[in-house]
Each structure stands twice: as structure tokens, then as C-alpha cells.
Amino acid sequence: MERKLKITQIRSTIGRIKKQKETIKALGIGKLNQSVIHKDTPQIRGMVEKVKHLVEVEEI
């Protein structure tokens, strides 16, 4: 069974740099407290690392 990540936005992107806003959008998150589920890949892990102060991650 492949591992998945549940990524939830916990902080707003207002006042953040453009790259961070684009990364949140690329993850498929648009609103506060919205969650998405992605496969646990190095690419997704890298994106999460760039916005770790804005999101909460759970392994499922």
C-alpha cells in the first residue's frame, strides 16, 4: 500500500511572497482549513517543505 499525505492549510497566504502563494495553489489548496490528499513523493515533500509554516501534514 502506498503512503499518502493529508495536507491542510492552517495559515493565510496574505502578505506572503508570490512563490509561496503559487506553491499552495499547486498543491491544490485554496482556502484556510482546506485539506487535500497527495501521494507521498519527493516532489510533494519538497513543496510542503517550502510552505511548512502555512500547512499541517499528516501521514495516512
PDB file of N, CA and C in Angstrom:
ATOM      1  N   MET A   1       0.845  -1.201   0.000  1.00  0.00           N
ATOM      2  CA  MET A   1       0.000   0.000   0.000  1.00  0.00           C
ATOM      3  C   MET A   1       0.876   1.245   0.000  1.00  0.00           C
ATOM      4  N   GLU A   2       0.538   2.169  -0.883  1.00  0.00           N
ATOM      5  CA  GLU A   2       1.355   3.391  -0.959  1.00  0.00           C
ATOM      6  C   GLU A   2       0.938   4.392   0.111  1.00  0.00           C
ATOM      7  N   ARG A   3       1.917   5.146   0.555  1.00  0.00           N
ATOM      8  CA  ARG A   3       1.655   6.135   1.598  1.00  0.00           C
ATOM      9  C   ARG A   3       1.095   7.401   0.983  1.00  0.00           C
ATOM     10  N   LYS A   4       0.253   8.075   1.751  1.00  0.00           N
ATOM     11  CA  LYS A   4      -0.340   9.324   1.304  1.00  0.00           C
ATOM     12  C   LYS A   4      -0.167  10.382   2.384  1.00  0.00           C
ATOM     13  N   LEU A   5      -0.254  11.635   1.963  1.00  0.00           N
ATOM     14  CA  LEU A   5      -0.149  12.758   2.885  1.00  0.00           C
ATOM     15  C   LEU A   5      -1.442  13.562   2.843  1.00  0.00           C
ATOM     16  N   LYS A   6      -1.932  13.910   4.010  1.00  0.00           N
ATOM     17  CA  LYS A   6      -3.074  14.823   4.098  1.00  0.00           C
ATOM     18  C   LYS A   6      -2.489  16.184   4.462  1.00  0.00           C
ATOM     19  N   ILE A   7      -2.662  17.154   3.568  1.00  0.00           N
ATOM     20  CA  ILE A   7      -2.075  18.476   3.743  1.00  0.00           C
ATOM     21  C   ILE A   7      -3.208  19.472   3.977  1.00  0.00           C
ATOM     22  N   THR A   8      -3.150  20.187   5.100  1.00  0.00           N
ATOM     23  CA  THR A   8      -4.188  21.142   5.472  1.00  0.00           C
ATOM     24  C   THR A   8      -3.569  22.520   5.629  1.00  0.00           C
ATOM     25  N   GLN A   9      -4.176  23.511   4.979  1.00  0.00           N
ATOM     26  CA  GLN A   9      -3.693  24.884   5.125  1.00  0.00           C
ATOM     27  C   GLN A   9      -4.180  25.435   6.459  1.00  0.00           C
ATOM     28  N   ILE A  10      -3.243  25.892   7.305  1.00  0.00           N
ATOM     29  CA  ILE A  10      -3.610  26.402   8.626  1.00  0.00           C
ATOM     30  C   ILE A  10      -3.320  27.893   8.788  1.00  0.00           C
ATOM     31  N   ARG A  11      -2.607  28.468   7.827  1.00  0.00           N
ATOM     32  CA  ARG A  11      -2.319  29.906   7.876  1.00  0.00           C
ATOM     33  C   ARG A  11      -2.598  30.537   6.519  1.00  0.00           C
ATOM     34  N   SER A  12      -2.929  31.809   6.532  1.00  0.00           N
ATOM     35  CA  SER A  12      -3.273  32.531   5.312  1.00  0.00           C
ATOM     36  C   SER A  12      -2.033  32.845   4.469  1.00  0.00           C
ATOM     37  N   THR A  13      -2.253  33.005   3.157  1.00  0.00           N
ATOM     38  CA  THR A  13      -1.152  33.391   2.265  1.00  0.00           C
ATOM     39  C   THR A  13      -1.091  34.906   2.074  1.00  0.00           C
ATOM     40  N   ILE A  14      -1.980  35.637   2.733  1.00  0.00           N
ATOM     41  CA  ILE A  14      -1.972  37.096   2.616  1.00  0.00           C
ATOM     42  C   ILE A  14      -0.632  37.625   3.145  1.00  0.00           C
ATOM     43  N   GLY A  15       0.017  38.440   2.340  1.00  0.00           N
ATOM     44  CA  GLY A  15       1.289  39.033   2.736  1.00  0.00           C
ATOM     45  C   GLY A  15       2.492  38.132   2.512  1.00  0.00           C
ATOM     46  N   ARG A  16       2.274  36.954   1.937  1.00  0.00           N
ATOM     47  CA  ARG A  16       3.383  36.030   1.672  1.00  0.00           C
ATOM     48  C   ARG A  16       3.954  36.304   0.278  1.00  0.00           C
ATOM     49  N   ILE A  17       5.167  35.819   0.035  1.00  0.00           N
ATOM     50  CA  ILE A  17       5.781  36.036  -1.268  1.00  0.00           C
ATOM     51  C   ILE A  17       5.068  35.199  -2.331  1.00  0.00           C
ATOM     52  N   LYS A  18       5.193  35.638  -3.578  1.00  0.00           N
ATOM     53  CA  LYS A  18       4.485  35.025  -4.699  1.00  0.00           C
ATOM     54  C   LYS A  18       4.757  33.526  -4.827  1.00  0.00           C
ATOM     55  N   LYS A  19       6.011  33.123  -4.649  1.00  0.00           N
ATOM     56  CA  LYS A  19       6.375  31.708  -4.777  1.00  0.00           C
ATOM     57  C   LYS A  19       5.610  30.832  -3.786  1.00  0.00           C
ATOM     58  N   GLN A  20       5.430  31.332  -2.565  1.00  0.00           N
ATOM     59  CA  GLN A  20       4.704  30.562  -1.561  1.00  0.00           C
ATOM     60  C   GLN A  20       3.225  30.456  -1.931  1.00  0.00           C
ATOM     61  N   LYS A  21       2.650  31.541  -2.430  1.00  0.00           N
ATOM     62  CA  LYS A  21       1.252  31.518  -2.872  1.00  0.00           C
ATOM     63  C   LYS A  21       1.066  30.525  -4.016  1.00  0.00           C
ATOM     64  N   GLU A  22       2.014  30.513  -4.953  1.00  0.00           N
ATOM     65  CA  GLU A  22       1.942  29.600  -6.096  1.00  0.00           C
ATOM     66  C   GLU A  22       2.101  28.149  -5.660  1.00  0.00           C
ATOM     67  N   THR A  23       2.937  27.906  -4.662  1.00  0.00           N
ATOM     68  CA  THR A  23       3.136  26.549  -4.164  1.00  0.00           C
ATOM     69  C   THR A  23       1.863  26.028  -3.503  1.00  0.00           C
ATOM     70  N   ILE A  24       1.213  26.867  -2.709  1.00  0.00           N
ATOM     71  CA  ILE A  24      -0.060  26.482  -2.076  1.00  0.00           C
ATOM     72  C   ILE A  24      -1.088  26.151  -3.159  1.00  0.00           C
ATOM     73  N   LYS A  25      -1.152  26.983  -4.186  1.00  0.00           N
ATOM     74  CA  LYS A  25      -2.097  26.762  -5.290  1.00  0.00           C
ATOM     75  C   LYS A  25      -1.770  25.460  -6.035  1.00  0.00           C
ATOM     76  N   ALA A  26      -0.483  25.198  -6.252  1.00  0.00           N
ATOM     77  CA  ALA A  26      -0.057  23.994  -6.957  1.00  0.00           C
ATOM     78  C   ALA A  26      -0.385  22.726  -6.159  1.00  0.00           C
ATOM     79  N   LEU A  27      -0.423  22.849  -4.843  1.00  0.00           N
ATOM     80  CA  LEU A  27      -0.803  21.715  -4.002  1.00  0.00           C
ATOM     81  C   LEU A  27      -2.302  21.454  -4.060  1.00  0.00           C
ATOM     82  N   GLY A  28      -3.051  22.421  -4.598  1.00  0.00           N
ATOM     83  CA  GLY A  28      -4.496  22.244  -4.727  1.00  0.00           C
ATOM     84  C   GLY A  28      -5.274  22.798  -3.557  1.00  0.00           C
ATOM     85  N   ILE A  29      -4.626  23.624  -2.772  1.00  0.00           N
ATOM     86  CA  ILE A  29      -5.281  24.224  -1.607  1.00  0.00           C
ATOM     87  C   ILE A  29      -5.666  25.659  -1.975  1.00  0.00           C
ATOM     88  N   GLY A  30      -6.854  26.074  -1.591  1.00  0.00           N
ATOM     89  CA  GLY A  30      -7.273  27.424  -1.933  1.00  0.00           C
ATOM     90  C   GLY A  30      -7.770  28.232  -0.757  1.00  0.00           C
ATOM     91  N   LYS A  31      -8.245  27.540   0.265  1.00  0.00           N
ATOM     92  CA  LYS A  31      -8.848  28.241   1.398  1.00  0.00           C
ATOM     93  C   LYS A  31      -8.269  27.729   2.709  1.00  0.00           C
ATOM     94  N   LEU A  32      -8.401  28.535   3.725  1.00  0.00           N
ATOM     95  CA  LEU A  32      -7.965  28.172   5.063  1.00  0.00           C
ATOM     96  C   LEU A  32      -8.717  26.937   5.550  1.00  0.00           C
ATOM     97  N   ASN A  33      -8.033  26.059   6.228  1.00  0.00           N
ATOM     98  CA  ASN A  33      -8.580  24.803   6.768  1.00  0.00           C
ATOM     99  C   ASN A  33      -9.021  23.812   5.700  1.00  0.00           C
ATOM    100  N   GLN A  34      -8.680  24.064   4.446  1.00  0.00           N
ATOM    101  CA  GLN A  34      -8.980  23.109   3.373  1.00  0.00           C
ATOM    102  C   GLN A  34      -7.876  22.052   3.350  1.00  0.00           C
ATOM    103  N   SER A  35      -8.280  20.798   3.104  1.00  0.00           N
ATOM    104  CA  SER A  35      -7.327  19.694   3.066  1.00  0.00           C
ATOM    105  C   SER A  35      -7.311  19.037   1.699  1.00  0.00           C
ATOM    106  N   VAL A  36      -6.150  18.514   1.333  1.00  0.00           N
ATOM    107  CA  VAL A  36      -6.009  17.722   0.116  1.00  0.00           C
ATOM    108  C   VAL A  36      -5.182  16.486   0.464  1.00  0.00           C
ATOM    109  N   ILE A  37      -5.347  15.442  -0.330  1.00  0.00           N
ATOM    110  CA  ILE A  37      -4.575  14.218  -0.126  1.00  0.00           C
ATOM    111  C   ILE A  37      -3.725  13.977  -1.367  1.00  0.00           C
ATOM    112  N   HIS A  38      -2.429  13.792  -1.141  1.00  0.00           N
ATOM    113  CA  HIS A  38      -1.480  13.541  -2.228  1.00  0.00           C
ATOM    114  C   HIS A  38      -0.673  12.290  -1.913  1.00  0.00           C
ATOM    115  N   LYS A  39      -0.139  11.665  -2.961  1.00  0.00           N
ATOM    116  CA  LYS A  39       0.803  10.564  -2.770  1.00  0.00           C
ATOM    117  C   LYS A  39       2.060  11.133  -2.113  1.00  0.00           C
ATOM    118  N   ASP A  40       2.717  10.317  -1.321  1.00  0.00           N
ATOM    119  CA  ASP A  40       3.941  10.739  -0.639  1.00  0.00           C
ATOM    120  C   ASP A  40       5.115  10.586  -1.599  1.00  0.00           C
ATOM    121  N   THR A  41       5.405  11.656  -2.355  1.00  0.00           N
ATOM    122  CA  THR A  41       6.512  11.647  -3.305  1.00  0.00           C
ATOM    123  C   THR A  41       7.528  12.715  -2.910  1.00  0.00           C
ATOM    124  N   PRO A  42       8.756  12.596  -3.404  1.00  0.00           N
ATOM    125  CA  PRO A  42       9.761  13.628  -3.097  1.00  0.00           C
ATOM    126  C   PRO A  42       9.340  15.020  -3.581  1.00  0.00           C
ATOM    127  N   GLN A  43       8.606  15.075  -4.698  1.00  0.00           N
ATOM    128  CA  GLN A  43       8.167  16.360  -5.234  1.00  0.00           C
ATOM    129  C   GLN A  43       7.177  17.033  -4.282  1.00  0.00           C
ATOM    130  N   ILE A  44       6.213  16.273  -3.802  1.00  0.00           N
ATOM    131  CA  ILE A  44       5.219  16.822  -2.869  1.00  0.00           C
ATOM    132  C   ILE A  44       5.891  17.202  -1.555  1.00  0.00           C
ATOM    133  N   ARG A  45       6.801  16.347  -1.072  1.00  0.00           N
ATOM    134  CA  ARG A  45       7.536  16.651   0.165  1.00  0.00           C
ATOM    135  C   ARG A  45       8.311  17.962   0.031  1.00  0.00           C
ATOM    136  N   GLY A  46       8.914  18.191  -1.142  1.00  0.00           N
ATOM    137  CA  GLY A  46       9.665  19.429  -1.380  1.00  0.00           C
ATOM    138  C   GLY A  46       8.766  20.650  -1.360  1.00  0.00           C
ATOM    139  N   MET A  47       7.575  20.518  -1.961  1.00  0.00           N
ATOM    140  CA  MET A  47       6.620  21.627  -1.968  1.00  0.00           C
ATOM    141  C   MET A  47       6.153  21.940  -0.554  1.00  0.00           C
ATOM    142  N   VAL A  48       5.884  20.890   0.210  1.00  0.00           N
ATOM    143  CA  VAL A  48       5.442  21.071   1.597  1.00  0.00           C
ATOM    144  C   VAL A  48       6.543  21.748   2.417  1.00  0.00           C
ATOM    145  N   GLU A  49       7.784  21.371   2.175  1.00  0.00           N
ATOM    146  CA  GLU A  49       8.913  21.954   2.903  1.00  0.00           C
ATOM    147  C   GLU A  49       8.985  23.475   2.700  1.00  0.00           C
ATOM    148  N   LYS A  50       8.644  23.933   1.490  1.00  0.00           N
ATOM    149  CA  LYS A  50       8.707  25.366   1.175  1.00  0.00           C
ATOM    150  C   LYS A  50       7.618  26.174   1.869  1.00  0.00           C
ATOM    151  N   VAL A  51       6.512  25.508   2.223  1.00  0.00           N
ATOM    152  CA  VAL A  51       5.398  26.236   2.866  1.00  0.00           C
ATOM    153  C   VAL A  51       5.013  25.585   4.200  1.00  0.00           C
ATOM    154  N   LYS A  52       5.994  24.963   4.859  1.00  0.00           N
ATOM    155  CA  LYS A  52       5.700  24.223   6.093  1.00  0.00           C
ATOM    156  C   LYS A  52       5.126  25.114   7.198  1.00  0.00           C
ATOM    157  N   HIS A  53       5.385  26.408   7.151  1.00  0.00           N
ATOM    158  CA  HIS A  53       4.850  27.324   8.154  1.00  0.00           C
ATOM    159  C   HIS A  53       3.381  27.673   7.886  1.00  0.00           C
ATOM    160  N   LEU A  54       2.864  27.283   6.725  1.00  0.00           N
ATOM    161  CA  LEU A  54       1.475  27.582   6.356  1.00  0.00           C
ATOM    162  C   LEU A  54       0.572  26.352   6.385  1.00  0.00           C
ATOM    163  N   VAL A  55       1.168  25.164   6.450  1.00  0.00           N
ATOM    164  CA  VAL A  55       0.384  23.937   6.338  1.00  0.00           C
ATOM    165  C   VAL A  55       0.674  22.968   7.482  1.00  0.00           C
ATOM    166  N   GLU A  56      -0.240  22.016   7.650  1.00  0.00           N
ATOM    167  CA  GLU A  56      -0.076  20.935   8.604  1.00  0.00           C
ATOM    168  C   GLU A  56      -0.144  19.643   7.793  1.00  0.00           C
ATOM    169  N   VAL A  57       0.754  18.693   8.076  1.00  0.00           N
ATOM    170  CA  VAL A  57       0.832  17.463   7.280  1.00  0.00           C
ATOM    171  C   VAL A  57       0.629  16.247   8.173  1.00  0.00           C
ATOM    172  N   GLU A  58      -0.224  15.337   7.691  1.00  0.00           N
ATOM    173  CA  GLU A  58      -0.446  14.061   8.382  1.00  0.00           C
ATOM    174  C   GLU A  58      -0.160  12.941   7.398  1.00  0.00           C
ATOM    175  N   GLU A  59       0.519  11.880   7.859  1.00  0.00           N
ATOM    176  CA  GLU A  59       0.704  10.708   7.019  1.00  0.00           C
ATOM    177  C   GLU A  59      -0.484   9.786   7.238  1.00  0.00           C
ATOM    178  N   ILE A  60      -1.081   9.341   6.118  1.00  0.00           N
ATOM    179  CA  ILE A  60      -2.230   8.430   6.241  1.00  0.00           C
ATOM    180  C   ILE A  60      -2.033   7.202   5.385  1.00  0.00           C
TER     181      ILE A  60
END
